[in-house]
Amino acid sequence: MAENNRQLALVIEDNEDNMVLITMLLENAGYASIWAENGEKGVQMAIDKRPDFVILDIQLPDINGTEVLKRIRALDLDISRVPIIAMTSYAMSGDREKLLAAGCDGYIEKPIDPMQVIKQIRNILEE
């Protein structure tokens, strides 16, 4: 749901420093953003706020990002098709492929490169 004609990003991230950096980069690039600090809240905000895309950390304090992904994809709502980008330090061999196969639309490794992350997001969203 665009906010003031800006695309709305839901950032599901438990690390406040990462959240501040990501939302600042998104805002500077012209996106609106909202933040959930855990998976349960993230799923509920996805339902309530209907973001245009989701930035999803995989290691969260309550349910992991893979479970968040499954829950959003299982919803019987338009939100089930929202682009979801995994942004994680979970970078073991094969993790990228597993997350993409599970339903993520993109994968960005942490630590992020502030000079490249918006370009990466736009490439994933095909903007």
C-alpha atoms as a PDB file:
ATOM      1  CA  MET A   1       0.000   0.000   0.000  1.00  0.00           C
ATOM      2  CA  ALA A   2       1.731   3.138  -1.190  1.00  0.00           C
ATOM      3  CA  GLU A   3       2.049   5.907   1.349  1.00  0.00           C
ATOM      4  CA  ASN A   4       1.917   9.367  -0.238  1.00  0.00           C
ATOM      5  CA  ASN A   5       2.625   7.712  -3.615  1.00  0.00           C
ATOM      6  CA  ARG A   6       5.767   6.100  -2.177  1.00  0.00           C
ATOM      7  CA  GLN A   7       6.168   2.360  -2.015  1.00  0.00           C
ATOM      8  CA  LEU A   8       5.905   1.037   1.528  1.00  0.00           C
ATOM      9  CA  ALA A   9       8.592  -1.331   2.802  1.00  0.00           C
ATOM     10  CA  LEU A  10       8.060  -3.486   5.872  1.00  0.00           C
ATOM     11  CA  VAL A  11      11.421  -4.161   7.520  1.00  0.00           C
ATOM     12  CA  ILE A  12      11.345  -7.192   9.844  1.00  0.00           C
ATOM     13  CA  GLU A  13      14.610  -6.854  11.766  1.00  0.00           C
ATOM     14  CA  ASP A  14      15.442  -7.357  15.450  1.00  0.00           C
ATOM     15  CA  ASN A  15      18.761  -5.470  15.494  1.00  0.00           C
ATOM     16  CA  GLU A  16      18.030  -1.787  16.032  1.00  0.00           C
ATOM     17  CA  ASP A  17      21.280  -0.605  14.399  1.00  0.00           C
ATOM     18  CA  ASN A  18      20.508  -2.614  11.262  1.00  0.00           C
ATOM     19  CA  MET A  19      16.918  -1.374  11.278  1.00  0.00           C
ATOM     20  CA  VAL A  20      17.999   2.268  11.531  1.00  0.00           C
ATOM     21  CA  LEU A  21      20.492   1.870   8.673  1.00  0.00           C
ATOM     22  CA  ILE A  22      18.077  -0.002   6.399  1.00  0.00           C
ATOM     23  CA  THR A  23      15.130   2.331   6.996  1.00  0.00           C
ATOM     24  CA  MET A  24      17.353   5.403   6.532  1.00  0.00           C
ATOM     25  CA  LEU A  25      18.594   4.060   3.196  1.00  0.00           C
ATOM     26  CA  LEU A  26      15.042   3.235   2.105  1.00  0.00           C
ATOM     27  CA  GLU A  27      13.713   6.657   3.136  1.00  0.00           C
ATOM     28  CA  ASN A  28      16.598   8.434   1.364  1.00  0.00           C
ATOM     29  CA  ALA A  29      15.779   6.438  -1.787  1.00  0.00           C
ATOM     30  CA  GLY A  30      12.154   7.570  -1.691  1.00  0.00           C
ATOM     31  CA  TYR A  31      10.496   4.604  -0.005  1.00  0.00           C
ATOM     32  CA  ALA A  32       8.279   4.796   3.065  1.00  0.00           C
ATOM     33  CA  SER A  33       9.098   2.211   5.715  1.00  0.00           C
ATOM     34  CA  ILE A  34       7.683   0.580   8.801  1.00  0.00           C
ATOM     35  CA  TRP A  35       9.493  -1.741  11.201  1.00  0.00           C
ATOM     36  CA  ALA A  36       8.714  -4.908  13.123  1.00  0.00           C
ATOM     37  CA  GLU A  37      11.261  -6.133  15.659  1.00  0.00           C
ATOM     38  CA  ASN A  38      10.152  -9.767  15.612  1.00  0.00           C
ATOM     39  CA  GLY A  39       8.519 -12.311  13.344  1.00  0.00           C
ATOM     40  CA  GLU A  40       5.060 -12.439  14.937  1.00  0.00           C
ATOM     41  CA  LYS A  41       4.720  -8.657  14.753  1.00  0.00           C
ATOM     42  CA  GLY A  42       6.061  -8.726  11.199  1.00  0.00           C
ATOM     43  CA  VAL A  43       3.393 -11.161  10.023  1.00  0.00           C
ATOM     44  CA  GLN A  44       0.665  -9.089  11.701  1.00  0.00           C
ATOM     45  CA  MET A  45       2.003  -5.842  10.200  1.00  0.00           C
ATOM     46  CA  ALA A  46       2.106  -7.464   6.759  1.00  0.00           C
ATOM     47  CA  ILE A  47      -1.598  -8.269   7.148  1.00  0.00           C
ATOM     48  CA  ASP A  48      -2.565  -4.890   8.633  1.00  0.00           C
ATOM     49  CA  LYS A  49      -0.394  -2.515   6.592  1.00  0.00           C
ATOM     50  CA  ARG A  50      -0.185  -4.327   3.225  1.00  0.00           C
ATOM     51  CA  PRO A  51       3.370  -3.220   2.329  1.00  0.00           C
ATOM     52  CA  ASP A  52       4.594  -3.152  -1.263  1.00  0.00           C
ATOM     53  CA  PHE A  53       7.575  -5.310  -0.279  1.00  0.00           C
ATOM     54  CA  VAL A  54       9.195  -6.873   2.781  1.00  0.00           C
ATOM     55  CA  ILE A  55      12.828  -6.873   3.921  1.00  0.00           C
ATOM     56  CA  LEU A  56      13.125  -9.964   6.128  1.00  0.00           C
ATOM     57  CA  ASP A  57      15.875 -10.888   8.559  1.00  0.00           C
ATOM     58  CA  ILE A  58      16.094 -14.654   8.992  1.00  0.00           C
ATOM     59  CA  GLN A  59      17.447 -14.787  12.553  1.00  0.00           C
ATOM     60  CA  LEU A  60      14.695 -13.300  14.706  1.00  0.00           C
ATOM     61  CA  PRO A  61      14.108 -13.624  18.455  1.00  0.00           C
ATOM     62  CA  ASP A  62      10.749 -15.430  18.343  1.00  0.00           C
ATOM     63  CA  ILE A  63       9.991 -17.256  15.098  1.00  0.00           C
ATOM     64  CA  ASN A  64      12.650 -17.405  12.406  1.00  0.00           C
ATOM     65  CA  GLY A  65      12.388 -15.644   9.077  1.00  0.00           C
ATOM     66  CA  THR A  66      11.666 -18.877   7.233  1.00  0.00           C
ATOM     67  CA  GLU A  67       8.535 -19.315   9.359  1.00  0.00           C
ATOM     68  CA  VAL A  68       7.563 -15.661   8.737  1.00  0.00           C
ATOM     69  CA  LEU A  69       7.965 -16.300   5.013  1.00  0.00           C
ATOM     70  CA  LYS A  70       5.771 -19.440   5.186  1.00  0.00           C
ATOM     71  CA  ARG A  71       3.062 -17.640   7.161  1.00  0.00           C
ATOM     72  CA  ILE A  72       2.901 -14.661   4.782  1.00  0.00           C
ATOM     73  CA  ARG A  73       2.921 -16.908   1.698  1.00  0.00           C
ATOM     74  CA  ALA A  74       0.116 -19.052   3.212  1.00  0.00           C
ATOM     75  CA  LEU A  75      -2.253 -16.106   3.705  1.00  0.00           C
ATOM     76  CA  ASP A  76      -5.360 -16.102   1.576  1.00  0.00           C
ATOM     77  CA  LEU A  77      -4.821 -12.445   0.741  1.00  0.00           C
ATOM     78  CA  ASP A  78      -3.059 -10.369  -1.918  1.00  0.00           C
ATOM     79  CA  ILE A  79      -0.240  -9.896   0.606  1.00  0.00           C
ATOM     80  CA  SER A  80       0.742 -13.543   0.031  1.00  0.00           C
ATOM     81  CA  ARG A  81       2.296 -12.434  -3.281  1.00  0.00           C
ATOM     82  CA  VAL A  82       4.217  -9.417  -1.940  1.00  0.00           C
ATOM     83  CA  PRO A  83       7.935  -9.457  -2.830  1.00  0.00           C
ATOM     84  CA  ILE A  84       9.982 -10.657   0.150  1.00  0.00           C
ATOM     85  CA  ILE A  85      13.713 -10.014   0.244  1.00  0.00           C
ATOM     86  CA  ALA A  86      15.793 -11.966   2.754  1.00  0.00           C
ATOM     87  CA  MET A  87      18.479  -9.720   4.237  1.00  0.00           C
ATOM     88  CA  THR A  88      20.595 -11.839   6.478  1.00  0.00           C
ATOM     89  CA  SER A  89      23.997 -12.759   7.783  1.00  0.00           C
ATOM     90  CA  TYR A  90      22.776 -16.344   7.438  1.00  0.00           C
ATOM     91  CA  ALA A  91      25.241 -16.958   4.641  1.00  0.00           C
ATOM     92  CA  MET A  92      26.197 -20.592   4.748  1.00  0.00           C
ATOM     93  CA  SER A  93      26.673 -22.477   1.503  1.00  0.00           C
ATOM     94  CA  GLY A  94      23.256 -23.193   0.005  1.00  0.00           C
ATOM     95  CA  ASP A  95      21.295 -20.787   2.246  1.00  0.00           C
ATOM     96  CA  ARG A  96      20.580 -18.370  -0.594  1.00  0.00           C
ATOM     97  CA  GLU A  97      19.187 -21.164  -2.754  1.00  0.00           C
ATOM     98  CA  LYS A  98      17.121 -22.574   0.126  1.00  0.00           C
ATOM     99  CA  LEU A  99      15.540 -19.200   0.870  1.00  0.00           C
ATOM    100  CA  LEU A 100      14.779 -18.511  -2.783  1.00  0.00           C
ATOM    101  CA  ALA A 101      13.286 -21.999  -3.154  1.00  0.00           C
ATOM    102  CA  ALA A 102      11.188 -21.389  -0.010  1.00  0.00           C
ATOM    103  CA  GLY A 103       9.591 -18.326  -1.604  1.00  0.00           C
ATOM    104  CA  CYS A 104      11.875 -15.324  -1.149  1.00  0.00           C
ATOM    105  CA  ASP A 105      12.127 -13.072  -4.197  1.00  0.00           C
ATOM    106  CA  GLY A 106      15.667 -11.997  -3.398  1.00  0.00           C
ATOM    107  CA  TYR A 107      18.571 -12.439  -1.026  1.00  0.00           C
ATOM    108  CA  ILE A 108      20.962  -9.774   0.274  1.00  0.00           C
ATOM    109  CA  GLU A 109      23.860 -10.718   2.554  1.00  0.00           C
ATOM    110  CA  LYS A 110      24.767  -8.767   5.679  1.00  0.00           C
ATOM    111  CA  PRO A 111      26.739  -6.798   6.349  1.00  0.00           C
ATOM    112  CA  ILE A 112      25.041  -4.767   3.648  1.00  0.00           C
ATOM    113  CA  ASP A 113      26.903  -2.354   1.426  1.00  0.00           C
ATOM    114  CA  PRO A 114      25.065   0.967   1.941  1.00  0.00           C
ATOM    115  CA  MET A 115      26.224   2.147  -1.489  1.00  0.00           C
ATOM    116  CA  GLN A 116      24.749  -0.916  -3.232  1.00  0.00           C
ATOM    117  CA  VAL A 117      21.752  -2.108  -1.212  1.00  0.00           C
ATOM    118  CA  ILE A 118      19.123   0.147  -2.826  1.00  0.00           C
ATOM    119  CA  LYS A 119      20.363  -0.905  -6.259  1.00  0.00           C
ATOM    120  CA  GLN A 120      20.108  -4.539  -5.134  1.00  0.00           C
ATOM    121  CA  ILE A 121      16.559  -3.986  -3.840  1.00  0.00           C
ATOM    122  CA  ARG A 122      15.488  -2.250  -7.057  1.00  0.00           C
ATOM    123  CA  ASN A 123      16.983  -5.069  -9.150  1.00  0.00           C
ATOM    124  CA  ILE A 124      15.025  -7.631  -7.133  1.00  0.00           C
ATOM    125  CA  LEU A 125      11.834  -5.567  -7.441  1.00  0.00           C
ATOM    126  CA  GLU A 126      12.642  -4.999 -11.133  1.00  0.00           C
ATOM    127  CA  GLU A 127      12.172  -1.246 -10.855  1.00  0.00           C
END
